[in-house]
Amino acid sequence: MITSHKDLKLWHESMILVEDIYKIAASFPKEEMFGLTSQIKRSVVSIPSNIAEGAGRKGKTEFIRFPYIALGSTSELETQLEISVRLGFMQKNEDIFKRIHFIKNMIAKLITSLNNKDANAL
């Protein structure tokens, strides 16, 4: 049973992703600071933030909305990174994309678990 978002491996993995993305975004062109760089940072921060917010809600009915938002943020981030590669702001980093897919799978498993009638253990 989780008592805090910090009990979730998903939250820890997404926090590592935040650190990695911030390091990558630091090398983006300065003129993108309020454009793509800002959007990428908001997307990646949204992932652990929504997991934490959901875990802080009462019951699975309130919790479940937030992993769906986090899942959307992972897709948004993935698209923004692909755009960054196409624009030449970064090299394609397979490790980052693998981490994103790993996190997406973890979110999907959390959603499945929360949708399960026996999810009271969460």
PDB file of N, CA and C in Angstrom:
ATOM      1  N   MET A   1       0.848  -1.185   0.000  1.00  0.00           N
ATOM      2  CA  MET A   1       0.000   0.000   0.000  1.00  0.00           C
ATOM      3  C   MET A   1       0.890   1.243   0.000  1.00  0.00           C
ATOM      4  N   ILE A   2       0.563   2.169  -0.888  1.00  0.00           N
ATOM      5  CA  ILE A   2       1.361   3.389  -0.917  1.00  0.00           C
ATOM      6  C   ILE A   2       0.814   4.387   0.093  1.00  0.00           C
ATOM      7  N   THR A   3       1.711   5.096   0.711  1.00  0.00           N
ATOM      8  CA  THR A   3       1.295   6.143   1.641  1.00  0.00           C
ATOM      9  C   THR A   3       1.717   7.509   1.126  1.00  0.00           C
ATOM     10  N   SER A   4       2.553   7.510   0.088  1.00  0.00           N
ATOM     11  CA  SER A   4       3.062   8.754  -0.481  1.00  0.00           C
ATOM     12  C   SER A   4       3.462   8.498  -1.930  1.00  0.00           C
ATOM     13  N   HIS A   5       3.455   9.547  -2.722  1.00  0.00           N
ATOM     14  CA  HIS A   5       3.932   9.429  -4.105  1.00  0.00           C
ATOM     15  C   HIS A   5       5.383   8.968  -4.143  1.00  0.00           C
ATOM     16  N   LYS A   6       6.121   9.244  -3.078  1.00  0.00           N
ATOM     17  CA  LYS A   6       7.529   8.846  -3.021  1.00  0.00           C
ATOM     18  C   LYS A   6       7.693   7.337  -2.866  1.00  0.00           C
ATOM     19  N   ASP A   7       6.602   6.632  -2.595  1.00  0.00           N
ATOM     20  CA  ASP A   7       6.626   5.173  -2.526  1.00  0.00           C
ATOM     21  C   ASP A   7       6.552   4.540  -3.916  1.00  0.00           C
ATOM     22  N   LEU A   8       6.260   5.344  -4.926  1.00  0.00           N
ATOM     23  CA  LEU A   8       6.075   4.832  -6.281  1.00  0.00           C
ATOM     24  C   LEU A   8       7.377   4.891  -7.081  1.00  0.00           C
ATOM     25  N   LYS A   9       7.796   3.740  -7.604  1.00  0.00           N
ATOM     26  CA  LYS A   9       8.984   3.703  -8.468  1.00  0.00           C
ATOM     27  C   LYS A   9       8.777   4.623  -9.672  1.00  0.00           C
ATOM     28  N   LEU A  10       7.559   4.674 -10.171  1.00  0.00           N
ATOM     29  CA  LEU A  10       7.221   5.538 -11.298  1.00  0.00           C
ATOM     30  C   LEU A  10       7.596   6.992 -11.022  1.00  0.00           C
ATOM     31  N   TRP A  11       7.304   7.468  -9.836  1.00  0.00           N
ATOM     32  CA  TRP A  11       7.627   8.852  -9.483  1.00  0.00           C
ATOM     33  C   TRP A  11       9.139   9.058  -9.512  1.00  0.00           C
ATOM     34  N   HIS A  12       9.887   8.119  -8.944  1.00  0.00           N
ATOM     35  CA  HIS A  12      11.353   8.229  -8.919  1.00  0.00           C
ATOM     36  C   HIS A  12      11.932   8.201 -10.334  1.00  0.00           C
ATOM     37  N   GLU A  13      11.432   7.300 -11.175  1.00  0.00           N
ATOM     38  CA  GLU A  13      11.918   7.213 -12.559  1.00  0.00           C
ATOM     39  C   GLU A  13      11.615   8.495 -13.329  1.00  0.00           C
ATOM     40  N   SER A  14      10.448   9.061 -13.099  1.00  0.00           N
ATOM     41  CA  SER A  14      10.097  10.288 -13.816  1.00  0.00           C
ATOM     42  C   SER A  14      10.890  11.487 -13.300  1.00  0.00           C
ATOM     43  N   MET A  15      11.297  11.455 -12.045  1.00  0.00           N
ATOM     44  CA  MET A  15      12.164  12.521 -11.523  1.00  0.00           C
ATOM     45  C   MET A  15      13.546  12.464 -12.182  1.00  0.00           C
ATOM     46  N   ILE A  16      14.054  11.270 -12.421  1.00  0.00           N
ATOM     47  CA  ILE A  16      15.327  11.116 -13.138  1.00  0.00           C
ATOM     48  C   ILE A  16      15.186  11.658 -14.556  1.00  0.00           C
ATOM     49  N   LEU A  17      14.044  11.381 -15.185  1.00  0.00           N
ATOM     50  CA  LEU A  17      13.797  11.899 -16.533  1.00  0.00           C
ATOM     51  C   LEU A  17      13.813  13.424 -16.538  1.00  0.00           C
ATOM     52  N   VAL A  18      13.233  14.047 -15.531  1.00  0.00           N
ATOM     53  CA  VAL A  18      13.247  15.514 -15.426  1.00  0.00           C
ATOM     54  C   VAL A  18      14.690  16.019 -15.442  1.00  0.00           C
ATOM     55  N   GLU A  19      15.533  15.415 -14.625  1.00  0.00           N
ATOM     56  CA  GLU A  19      16.937  15.834 -14.563  1.00  0.00           C
ATOM     57  C   GLU A  19      17.620  15.683 -15.922  1.00  0.00           C
ATOM     58  N   ASP A  20      17.395  14.548 -16.581  1.00  0.00           N
ATOM     59  CA  ASP A  20      18.012  14.298 -17.886  1.00  0.00           C
ATOM     60  C   ASP A  20      17.553  15.307 -18.934  1.00  0.00           C
ATOM     61  N   ILE A  21      16.265  15.587 -18.954  1.00  0.00           N
ATOM     62  CA  ILE A  21      15.721  16.510 -19.956  1.00  0.00           C
ATOM     63  C   ILE A  21      16.208  17.932 -19.703  1.00  0.00           C
ATOM     64  N   TYR A  22      16.286  18.341 -18.467  1.00  0.00           N
ATOM     65  CA  TYR A  22      16.799  19.680 -18.164  1.00  0.00           C
ATOM     66  C   TYR A  22      18.242  19.836 -18.637  1.00  0.00           C
ATOM     67  N   LYS A  23      19.044  18.785 -18.494  1.00  0.00           N
ATOM     68  CA  LYS A  23      20.434  18.834 -18.974  1.00  0.00           C
ATOM     69  C   LYS A  23      20.477  18.967 -20.491  1.00  0.00           C
ATOM     70  N   ILE A  24      19.627  18.222 -21.180  1.00  0.00           N
ATOM     71  CA  ILE A  24      19.576  18.299 -22.641  1.00  0.00           C
ATOM     72  C   ILE A  24      19.103  19.673 -23.086  1.00  0.00           C
ATOM     73  N   ALA A  25      18.045  20.167 -22.463  1.00  0.00           N
ATOM     74  CA  ALA A  25      17.458  21.454 -22.859  1.00  0.00           C
ATOM     75  C   ALA A  25      18.408  22.624 -22.620  1.00  0.00           C
ATOM     76  N   ALA A  26      19.349  22.460 -21.717  1.00  0.00           N
ATOM     77  CA  ALA A  26      20.308  23.537 -21.429  1.00  0.00           C
ATOM     78  C   ALA A  26      21.163  23.879 -22.645  1.00  0.00           C
ATOM     79  N   SER A  27      21.288  22.938 -23.570  1.00  0.00           N
ATOM     80  CA  SER A  27      22.107  23.182 -24.761  1.00  0.00           C
ATOM     81  C   SER A  27      21.299  23.715 -25.946  1.00  0.00           C
ATOM     82  N   PHE A  28      20.001  23.889 -25.784  1.00  0.00           N
ATOM     83  CA  PHE A  28      19.162  24.399 -26.870  1.00  0.00           C
ATOM     84  C   PHE A  28      19.488  25.864 -27.143  1.00  0.00           C
ATOM     85  N   PRO A  29      19.189  26.335 -28.353  1.00  0.00           N
ATOM     86  CA  PRO A  29      19.449  27.749 -28.673  1.00  0.00           C
ATOM     87  C   PRO A  29      18.721  28.681 -27.703  1.00  0.00           C
ATOM     88  N   LYS A  30      19.379  29.760 -27.357  1.00  0.00           N
ATOM     89  CA  LYS A  30      18.808  30.728 -26.401  1.00  0.00           C
ATOM     90  C   LYS A  30      17.476  31.294 -26.895  1.00  0.00           C
ATOM     91  N   GLU A  31      17.340  31.457 -28.205  1.00  0.00           N
ATOM     92  CA  GLU A  31      16.082  32.017 -28.725  1.00  0.00           C
ATOM     93  C   GLU A  31      14.896  31.072 -28.530  1.00  0.00           C
ATOM     94  N   GLU A  32      15.163  29.827 -28.150  1.00  0.00           N
ATOM     95  CA  GLU A  32      14.093  28.861 -27.872  1.00  0.00           C
ATOM     96  C   GLU A  32      13.723  28.804 -26.392  1.00  0.00           C
ATOM     97  N   MET A  33      14.365  29.645 -25.574  1.00  0.00           N
ATOM     98  CA  MET A  33      14.147  29.594 -24.130  1.00  0.00           C
ATOM     99  C   MET A  33      12.665  29.725 -23.762  1.00  0.00           C
ATOM    100  N   PHE A  34      11.931  30.568 -24.477  1.00  0.00           N
ATOM    101  CA  PHE A  34      10.513  30.762 -24.164  1.00  0.00           C
ATOM    102  C   PHE A  34       9.610  30.008 -25.139  1.00  0.00           C
ATOM    103  N   GLY A  35      10.210  29.223 -26.005  1.00  0.00           N
ATOM    104  CA  GLY A  35       9.463  28.433 -26.972  1.00  0.00           C
ATOM    105  C   GLY A  35       9.537  26.958 -26.632  1.00  0.00           C
ATOM    106  N   LEU A  36      10.210  26.223 -27.500  1.00  0.00           N
ATOM    107  CA  LEU A  36      10.277  24.772 -27.358  1.00  0.00           C
ATOM    108  C   LEU A  36      10.939  24.335 -26.049  1.00  0.00           C
ATOM    109  N   THR A  37      11.985  25.031 -25.636  1.00  0.00           N
ATOM    110  CA  THR A  37      12.665  24.674 -24.383  1.00  0.00           C
ATOM    111  C   THR A  37      11.697  24.739 -23.208  1.00  0.00           C
ATOM    112  N   SER A  38      10.931  25.808 -23.146  1.00  0.00           N
ATOM    113  CA  SER A  38       9.961  25.982 -22.068  1.00  0.00           C
ATOM    114  C   SER A  38       8.881  24.901 -22.122  1.00  0.00           C
ATOM    115  N   GLN A  39       8.400  24.592 -23.324  1.00  0.00           N
ATOM    116  CA  GLN A  39       7.366  23.567 -23.465  1.00  0.00           C
ATOM    117  C   GLN A  39       7.875  22.194 -23.027  1.00  0.00           C
ATOM    118  N   ILE A  40       9.105  21.882 -23.410  1.00  0.00           N
ATOM    119  CA  ILE A  40       9.691  20.595 -23.032  1.00  0.00           C
ATOM    120  C   ILE A  40       9.813  20.489 -21.515  1.00  0.00           C
ATOM    121  N   LYS A  41      10.274  21.556 -20.899  1.00  0.00           N
ATOM    122  CA  LYS A  41      10.427  21.539 -19.442  1.00  0.00           C
ATOM    123  C   LYS A  41       9.078  21.388 -18.743  1.00  0.00           C
ATOM    124  N   ARG A  42       8.059  22.079 -19.240  1.00  0.00           N
ATOM    125  CA  ARG A  42       6.727  21.953 -18.634  1.00  0.00           C
ATOM    126  C   ARG A  42       6.187  20.526 -18.786  1.00  0.00           C
ATOM    127  N   SER A  43       6.397  19.952 -19.970  1.00  0.00           N
ATOM    128  CA  SER A  43       5.905  18.587 -20.209  1.00  0.00           C
ATOM    129  C   SER A  43       6.553  17.585 -19.272  1.00  0.00           C
ATOM    130  N   VAL A  44       7.878  17.654 -19.151  1.00  0.00           N
ATOM    131  CA  VAL A  44       8.572  16.658 -18.328  1.00  0.00           C
ATOM    132  C   VAL A  44       8.266  16.841 -16.843  1.00  0.00           C
ATOM    133  N   VAL A  45       8.140  18.078 -16.397  1.00  0.00           N
ATOM    134  CA  VAL A  45       7.813  18.335 -14.989  1.00  0.00           C
ATOM    135  C   VAL A  45       6.389  17.872 -14.672  1.00  0.00           C
ATOM    136  N   SER A  46       5.522  17.915 -15.659  1.00  0.00           N
ATOM    137  CA  SER A  46       4.138  17.499 -15.478  1.00  0.00           C
ATOM    138  C   SER A  46       4.011  16.015 -15.120  1.00  0.00           C
ATOM    139  N   ILE A  47       4.952  15.214 -15.563  1.00  0.00           N
ATOM    140  CA  ILE A  47       4.847  13.764 -15.343  1.00  0.00           C
ATOM    141  C   ILE A  47       4.916  13.417 -13.852  1.00  0.00           C
ATOM    142  N   PRO A  48       6.022  13.700 -13.157  1.00  0.00           N
ATOM    143  CA  PRO A  48       6.035  13.358 -11.724  1.00  0.00           C
ATOM    144  C   PRO A  48       5.068  14.205 -10.906  1.00  0.00           C
ATOM    145  N   SER A  49       4.803  15.427 -11.367  1.00  0.00           N
ATOM    146  CA  SER A  49       3.878  16.303 -10.636  1.00  0.00           C
ATOM    147  C   SER A  49       2.474  15.723 -10.609  1.00  0.00           C
ATOM    148  N   ASN A  50       2.016  15.205 -11.737  1.00  0.00           N
ATOM    149  CA  ASN A  50       0.673  14.625 -11.782  1.00  0.00           C
ATOM    150  C   ASN A  50       0.597  13.298 -11.037  1.00  0.00           C
ATOM    151  N   ILE A  51       1.672  12.536 -11.062  1.00  0.00           N
ATOM    152  CA  ILE A  51       1.695  11.303 -10.263  1.00  0.00           C
ATOM    153  C   ILE A  51       1.590  11.663  -8.781  1.00  0.00           C
ATOM    154  N   ALA A  52       2.345  12.670  -8.366  1.00  0.00           N
ATOM    155  CA  ALA A  52       2.310  13.102  -6.962  1.00  0.00           C
ATOM    156  C   ALA A  52       0.935  13.645  -6.590  1.00  0.00           C
ATOM    157  N   GLU A  53       0.365  14.470  -7.462  1.00  0.00           N
ATOM    158  CA  GLU A  53      -0.950  15.038  -7.151  1.00  0.00           C
ATOM    159  C   GLU A  53      -2.008  13.947  -7.046  1.00  0.00           C
ATOM    160  N   GLY A  54      -1.986  13.006  -7.975  1.00  0.00           N
ATOM    161  CA  GLY A  54      -2.948  11.911  -7.926  1.00  0.00           C
ATOM    162  C   GLY A  54      -2.809  11.076  -6.667  1.00  0.00           C
ATOM    163  N   ALA A  55      -1.572  10.756  -6.320  1.00  0.00           N
ATOM    164  CA  ALA A  55      -1.326   9.944  -5.126  1.00  0.00           C
ATOM    165  C   ALA A  55      -1.757  10.670  -3.856  1.00  0.00           C
ATOM    166  N   GLY A  56      -1.768  11.989  -3.911  1.00  0.00           N
ATOM    167  CA  GLY A  56      -2.180  12.775  -2.753  1.00  0.00           C
ATOM    168  C   GLY A  56      -3.682  12.931  -2.616  1.00  0.00           C
ATOM    169  N   ARG A  57      -4.417  12.471  -3.621  1.00  0.00           N
ATOM    170  CA  ARG A  57      -5.879  12.557  -3.568  1.00  0.00           C
ATOM    171  C   ARG A  57      -6.458  11.405  -2.765  1.00  0.00           C
ATOM    172  N   LYS A  58      -7.709  11.577  -2.365  1.00  0.00           N
ATOM    173  CA  LYS A  58      -8.383  10.543  -1.581  1.00  0.00           C
ATOM    174  C   LYS A  58      -9.028   9.533  -2.518  1.00  0.00           C
ATOM    175  N   GLY A  59      -8.596   8.304  -2.430  1.00  0.00           N
ATOM    176  CA  GLY A  59      -9.217   7.216  -3.173  1.00  0.00           C
ATOM    177  C   GLY A  59      -8.803   7.139  -4.625  1.00  0.00           C
ATOM    178  N   LYS A  60      -9.018   5.950  -5.181  1.00  0.00           N
ATOM    179  CA  LYS A  60      -8.586   5.711  -6.550  1.00  0.00           C
ATOM    180  C   LYS A  60      -9.405   6.491  -7.571  1.00  0.00           C
ATOM    181  N   THR A  61     -10.650   6.822  -7.259  1.00  0.00           N
ATOM    182  CA  THR A  61     -11.473   7.576  -8.204  1.00  0.00           C
ATOM    183  C   THR A  61     -10.863   8.938  -8.493  1.00  0.00           C
ATOM    184  N   GLU A  62     -10.361   9.593  -7.470  1.00  0.00           N
ATOM    185  CA  GLU A  62      -9.699  10.889  -7.666  1.00  0.00           C
ATOM    186  C   GLU A  62      -8.288  10.709  -8.211  1.00  0.00           C
ATOM    187  N   PHE A  63      -7.597   9.663  -7.766  1.00  0.00           N
ATOM    188  CA  PHE A  63      -6.216   9.413  -8.175  1.00  0.00           C
ATOM    189  C   PHE A  63      -6.118   9.202  -9.687  1.00  0.00           C
ATOM    190  N   ILE A  64      -7.040   8.422 -10.242  1.00  0.00           N
ATOM    191  CA  ILE A  64      -6.876   7.911 -11.604  1.00  0.00           C
ATOM    192  C   ILE A  64      -6.822   8.989 -12.688  1.00  0.00           C
ATOM    193  N   ARG A  65      -7.420  10.128 -12.448  1.00  0.00           N
ATOM    194  CA  ARG A  65      -7.373  11.203 -13.461  1.00  0.00           C
ATOM    195  C   ARG A  65      -5.943  11.629 -13.760  1.00  0.00           C
ATOM    196  N   PHE A  66      -5.114  11.638 -12.753  1.00  0.00           N
ATOM    197  CA  PHE A  66      -3.780  12.222 -12.870  1.00  0.00           C
ATOM    198  C   PHE A  66      -2.778  11.360 -13.636  1.00  0.00           C
ATOM    199  N   PRO A  67      -2.789  10.028 -13.498  1.00  0.00           N
ATOM    200  CA  PRO A  67      -1.913   9.237 -14.366  1.00  0.00           C
ATOM    201  C   PRO A  67      -2.258   9.401 -15.852  1.00  0.00           C
ATOM    202  N   TYR A  68      -3.541   9.596 -16.154  1.00  0.00           N
ATOM    203  CA  TYR A  68      -3.911   9.844 -17.551  1.00  0.00           C
ATOM    204  C   TYR A  68      -3.276  11.143 -18.056  1.00  0.00           C
ATOM    205  N   ILE A  69      -3.267  12.159 -17.227  1.00  0.00           N
ATOM    206  CA  ILE A  69      -2.622  13.427 -17.599  1.00  0.00           C
ATOM    207  C   ILE A  69      -1.122  13.211 -17.770  1.00  0.00           C
ATOM    208  N   ALA A  70      -0.507  12.466 -16.850  1.00  0.00           N
ATOM    209  CA  ALA A  70       0.927  12.169 -16.944  1.00  0.00           C
ATOM    210  C   ALA A  70       1.239  11.398 -18.224  1.00  0.00           C
ATOM    211  N   LEU A  71       0.362  10.481 -18.599  1.00  0.00           N
ATOM    212  CA  LEU A  71       0.550   9.715 -19.829  1.00  0.00           C
ATOM    213  C   LEU A  71       0.515  10.642 -21.045  1.00  0.00           C
ATOM    214  N   GLY A  72      -0.408  11.578 -21.038  1.00  0.00           N
ATOM    215  CA  GLY A  72      -0.461  12.567 -22.115  1.00  0.00           C
ATOM    216  C   GLY A  72       0.797  13.411 -22.165  1.00  0.00           C
ATOM    217  N   SER A  73       1.325  13.748 -21.010  1.00  0.00           N
ATOM    218  CA  SER A  73       2.554  14.549 -20.948  1.00  0.00           C
ATOM    219  C   SER A  73       3.752  13.791 -21.507  1.00  0.00           C
ATOM    220  N   THR A  74       3.784  12.467 -21.326  1.00  0.00           N
ATOM    221  CA  THR A  74       4.895  11.697 -21.895  1.00  0.00           C
ATOM    222  C   THR A  74       4.835  11.713 -23.417  1.00  0.00           C
ATOM    223  N   SER A  75       3.633  11.618 -23.974  1.00  0.00           N
ATOM    224  CA  SER A  75       3.488  11.684 -25.433  1.00  0.00           C
ATOM    225  C   SER A  75       3.845  13.069 -25.955  1.00  0.00           C
ATOM    226  N   GLU A  76       3.430  14.084 -25.223  1.00  0.00           N
ATOM    227  CA  GLU A  76       3.769  15.460 -25.588  1.00  0.00           C
ATOM    228  C   GLU A  76       5.287  15.650 -25.568  1.00  0.00           C
ATOM    229  N   LEU A  77       5.937  15.177 -24.518  1.00  0.00           N
ATOM    230  CA  LEU A  77       7.389  15.289 -24.399  1.00  0.00           C
ATOM    231  C   LEU A  77       8.090  14.558 -25.538  1.00  0.00           C
ATOM    232  N   GLU A  78       7.639  13.362 -25.824  1.00  0.00           N
ATOM    233  CA  GLU A  78       8.244  12.570 -26.894  1.00  0.00           C
ATOM    234  C   GLU A  78       8.159  13.315 -28.231  1.00  0.00           C
ATOM    235  N   THR A  79       7.019  13.907 -28.508  1.00  0.00           N
ATOM    236  CA  THR A  79       6.841  14.674 -29.741  1.00  0.00           C
ATOM    237  C   THR A  79       7.749  15.894 -29.763  1.00  0.00           C
ATOM    238  N   GLN A  80       7.832  16.600 -28.657  1.00  0.00           N
ATOM    239  CA  GLN A  80       8.679  17.792 -28.589  1.00  0.00           C
ATOM    240  C   GLN A  80      10.153  17.444 -28.763  1.00  0.00           C
ATOM    241  N   LEU A  81      10.579  16.309 -28.243  1.00  0.00           N
ATOM    242  CA  LEU A  81      11.964  15.880 -28.437  1.00  0.00           C
ATOM    243  C   LEU A  81      12.217  15.497 -29.890  1.00  0.00           C
ATOM    244  N   GLU A  82      11.252  14.844 -30.526  1.00  0.00           N
ATOM    245  CA  GLU A  82      11.378  14.523 -31.956  1.00  0.00           C
ATOM    246  C   GLU A  82      11.495  15.806 -32.781  1.00  0.00           C
ATOM    247  N   ILE A  83      10.711  16.810 -32.438  1.00  0.00           N
ATOM    248  CA  ILE A  83      10.801  18.108 -33.120  1.00  0.00           C
ATOM    249  C   ILE A  83      12.189  18.697 -32.916  1.00  0.00           C
ATOM    250  N   SER A  84      12.699  18.596 -31.710  1.00  0.00           N
ATOM    251  CA  SER A  84      14.031  19.124 -31.394  1.00  0.00           C
ATOM    252  C   SER A  84      15.113  18.443 -32.226  1.00  0.00           C
ATOM    253  N   VAL A  85      14.965  17.139 -32.423  1.00  0.00           N
ATOM    254  CA  VAL A  85      15.913  16.401 -33.267  1.00  0.00           C
ATOM    255  C   VAL A  85      15.804  16.894 -34.706  1.00  0.00           C
ATOM    256  N   ARG A  86      14.591  17.012 -35.212  1.00  0.00           N
ATOM    257  CA  ARG A  86      14.382  17.445 -36.600  1.00  0.00           C
ATOM    258  C   ARG A  86      14.896  18.855 -36.855  1.00  0.00           C
ATOM    259  N   LEU A  87      14.815  19.703 -35.831  1.00  0.00           N
ATOM    260  CA  LEU A  87      15.293  21.081 -35.975  1.00  0.00           C
ATOM    261  C   LEU A  87      16.792  21.205 -35.708  1.00  0.00           C
ATOM    262  N   GLY A  88      17.419  20.106 -35.326  1.00  0.00           N
ATOM    263  CA  GLY A  88      18.857  20.115 -35.089  1.00  0.00           C
ATOM    264  C   GLY A  88      19.275  20.664 -33.738  1.00  0.00           C
ATOM    265  N   PHE A  89      18.342  20.750 -32.797  1.00  0.00           N
ATOM    266  CA  PHE A  89      18.667  21.254 -31.461  1.00  0.00           C
ATOM    267  C   PHE A  89      19.346  20.187 -30.606  1.00  0.00           C
ATOM    268  N   MET A  90      19.165  18.921 -30.982  1.00  0.00           N
ATOM    269  CA  MET A  90      19.755  17.817 -30.224  1.00  0.00           C
ATOM    270  C   MET A  90      19.931  16.620 -31.142  1.00  0.00           C
ATOM    271  N   GLN A  91      20.827  15.732 -30.759  1.00  0.00           N
ATOM    272  CA  GLN A  91      20.969  14.445 -31.434  1.00  0.00           C
ATOM    273  C   GLN A  91      19.932  13.494 -30.847  1.00  0.00           C
ATOM    274  N   LYS A  92      19.469  12.554 -31.659  1.00  0.00           N
ATOM    275  CA  LYS A  92      18.514  11.582 -31.130  1.00  0.00           C
ATOM    276  C   LYS A  92      19.206  10.747 -30.061  1.00  0.00           C
ATOM    277  N   ASN A  93      18.630  10.732 -28.889  1.00  0.00           N
ATOM    278  CA  ASN A  93      19.188  10.028 -27.742  1.00  0.00           C
ATOM    279  C   ASN A  93      18.278   8.840 -27.433  1.00  0.00           C
ATOM    280  N   GLU A  94      18.669   7.668 -27.914  1.00  0.00           N
ATOM    281  CA  GLU A  94      17.831   6.476 -27.746  1.00  0.00           C
ATOM    282  C   GLU A  94      17.581   6.144 -26.277  1.00  0.00           C
ATOM    283  N   ASP A  95      18.558   6.429 -25.418  1.00  0.00           N
ATOM    284  CA  ASP A  95      18.369   6.147 -23.992  1.00  0.00           C
ATOM    285  C   ASP A  95      17.219   6.964 -23.409  1.00  0.00           C
ATOM    286  N   ILE A  96      17.114   8.219 -23.827  1.00  0.00           N
ATOM    287  CA  ILE A  96      16.016   9.076 -23.349  1.00  0.00           C
ATOM    288  C   ILE A  96      14.679   8.546 -23.855  1.00  0.00           C
ATOM    289  N   PHE A  97      14.624   8.201 -25.145  1.00  0.00           N
ATOM    290  CA  PHE A  97      13.375   7.692 -25.700  1.00  0.00           C
ATOM    291  C   PHE A  97      12.992   6.353 -25.068  1.00  0.00           C
ATOM    292  N   LYS A  98      13.974   5.515 -24.747  1.00  0.00           N
ATOM    293  CA  LYS A  98      13.691   4.253 -24.050  1.00  0.00           C
ATOM    294  C   LYS A  98      13.158   4.528 -22.646  1.00  0.00           C
ATOM    295  N   ARG A  99      13.731   5.511 -21.964  1.00  0.00           N
ATOM    296  CA  ARG A  99      13.261   5.869 -20.619  1.00  0.00           C
ATOM    297  C   ARG A  99      11.812   6.363 -20.691  1.00  0.00           C
ATOM    298  N   ILE A 100      11.513   7.178 -21.690  1.00  0.00           N
ATOM    299  CA  ILE A 100      10.138   7.677 -21.856  1.00  0.00           C
ATOM    300  C   ILE A 100       9.180   6.504 -22.059  1.00  0.00           C
ATOM    301  N   HIS A 101       9.545   5.554 -22.919  1.00  0.00           N
ATOM    302  CA  HIS A 101       8.678   4.392 -23.152  1.00  0.00           C
ATOM    303  C   HIS A 101       8.530   3.545 -21.890  1.00  0.00           C
ATOM    304  N   PHE A 102       9.604   3.404 -21.130  1.00  0.00           N
ATOM    305  CA  PHE A 102       9.557   2.671 -19.864  1.00  0.00           C
ATOM    306  C   PHE A 102       8.571   3.344 -18.905  1.00  0.00           C
ATOM    307  N   ILE A 103       8.645   4.661 -18.822  1.00  0.00           N
ATOM    308  CA  ILE A 103       7.745   5.418 -17.945  1.00  0.00           C
ATOM    309  C   ILE A 103       6.308   5.322 -18.443  1.00  0.00           C
ATOM    310  N   LYS A 104       6.109   5.398 -19.762  1.00  0.00           N
ATOM    311  CA  LYS A 104       4.759   5.241 -20.312  1.00  0.00           C
ATOM    312  C   LYS A 104       4.170   3.888 -19.913  1.00  0.00           C
ATOM    313  N   ASN A 105       4.982   2.850 -19.990  1.00  0.00           N
ATOM    314  CA  ASN A 105       4.512   1.514 -19.603  1.00  0.00           C
ATOM    315  C   ASN A 105       4.181   1.445 -18.118  1.00  0.00           C
ATOM    316  N   MET A 106       4.988   2.095 -17.300  1.00  0.00           N
ATOM    317  CA  MET A 106       4.712   2.120 -15.860  1.00  0.00           C
ATOM    318  C   MET A 106       3.404   2.852 -15.571  1.00  0.00           C
ATOM    319  N   ILE A 107       3.175   3.951 -16.270  1.00  0.00           N
ATOM    320  CA  ILE A 107       1.924   4.702 -16.085  1.00  0.00           C
ATOM    321  C   ILE A 107       0.738   3.841 -16.512  1.00  0.00           C
ATOM    322  N   ALA A 108       0.872   3.167 -17.648  1.00  0.00           N
ATOM    323  CA  ALA A 108      -0.211   2.304 -18.135  1.00  0.00           C
ATOM    324  C   ALA A 108      -0.526   1.201 -17.122  1.00  0.00           C
ATOM    325  N   LYS A 109       0.506   0.636 -16.515  1.00  0.00           N
ATOM    326  CA  LYS A 109       0.287  -0.401 -15.491  1.00  0.00           C
ATOM    327  C   LYS A 109      -0.400   0.177 -14.257  1.00  0.00           C
ATOM    328  N   LEU A 110      -0.026   1.392 -13.884  1.00  0.00           N
ATOM    329  CA  LEU A 110      -0.681   2.043 -12.744  1.00  0.00           C
ATOM    330  C   LEU A 110      -2.157   2.278 -13.048  1.00  0.00           C
ATOM    331  N   ILE A 111      -2.445   2.749 -14.252  1.00  0.00           N
ATOM    332  CA  ILE A 111      -3.839   2.987 -14.651  1.00  0.00           C
ATOM    333  C   ILE A 111      -4.627   1.680 -14.613  1.00  0.00           C
ATOM    334  N   THR A 112      -4.044   0.618 -15.158  1.00  0.00           N
ATOM    335  CA  THR A 112      -4.703  -0.693 -15.136  1.00  0.00           C
ATOM    336  C   THR A 112      -4.978  -1.134 -13.705  1.00  0.00           C
ATOM    337  N   SER A 113      -3.997  -0.948 -12.851  1.00  0.00           N
ATOM    338  CA  SER A 113      -4.150  -1.324 -11.445  1.00  0.00           C
ATOM    339  C   SER A 113      -5.250  -0.510 -10.767  1.00  0.00           C
ATOM    340  N   LEU A 114      -5.287   0.784 -11.057  1.00  0.00           N
ATOM    341  CA  LEU A 114      -6.312   1.643 -10.450  1.00  0.00           C
ATOM    342  C   LEU A 114      -7.704   1.320 -10.978  1.00  0.00           C
ATOM    343  N   ASN A 115      -7.777   0.871 -12.223  1.00  0.00           N
ATOM    344  CA  ASN A 115      -9.065   0.494 -12.809  1.00  0.00           C
ATOM    345  C   ASN A 115      -9.566  -0.851 -12.299  1.00  0.00           C
ATOM    346  N   ASN A 116      -8.656  -1.651 -11.752  1.00  0.00           N
ATOM    347  CA  ASN A 116      -8.996  -2.963 -11.223  1.00  0.00           C
ATOM    348  C   ASN A 116      -9.862  -2.791  -9.973  1.00  0.00           C
ATOM    349  N   LYS A 117     -10.898  -3.564  -9.880  1.00  0.00           N
ATOM    350  CA  LYS A 117     -11.798  -3.474  -8.718  1.00  0.00           C
ATOM    351  C   LYS A 117     -11.081  -3.735  -7.406  1.00  0.00           C
ATOM    352  N   ASP A 118     -10.001  -4.514  -7.459  1.00  0.00           N
ATOM    353  CA  ASP A 118      -9.270  -4.867  -6.243  1.00  0.00           C
ATOM    354  C   ASP A 118      -8.088  -3.940  -6.010  1.00  0.00           C
ATOM    355  N   ALA A 119      -8.162  -2.733  -6.504  1.00  0.00           N
ATOM    356  CA  ALA A 119      -7.034  -1.800  -6.390  1.00  0.00           C
ATOM    357  C   ALA A 119      -6.978  -1.118  -5.030  1.00  0.00           C
ATOM    358  N   ASN A 120      -7.730  -1.603  -4.076  1.00  0.00           N
ATOM    359  CA  ASN A 120      -7.724  -0.985  -2.751  1.00  0.00           C
ATOM    360  C   ASN A 120      -6.356  -1.049  -2.080  1.00  0.00           C
ATOM    361  N   ALA A 121      -5.492  -1.927  -2.573  1.00  0.00           N
ATOM    362  CA  ALA A 121      -4.154  -2.056  -1.991  1.00  0.00           C
ATOM    363  C   ALA A 121      -3.274  -0.862  -2.332  1.00  0.00           C
ATOM    364  N   LEU A 122      -3.675  -0.081  -3.320  1.00  0.00           N
ATOM    365  CA  LEU A 122      -2.863   1.085  -3.697  1.00  0.00           C
ATOM    366  C   LEU A 122      -3.029   2.210  -2.724  1.00  0.00           C
TER     367      LEU A 122
END
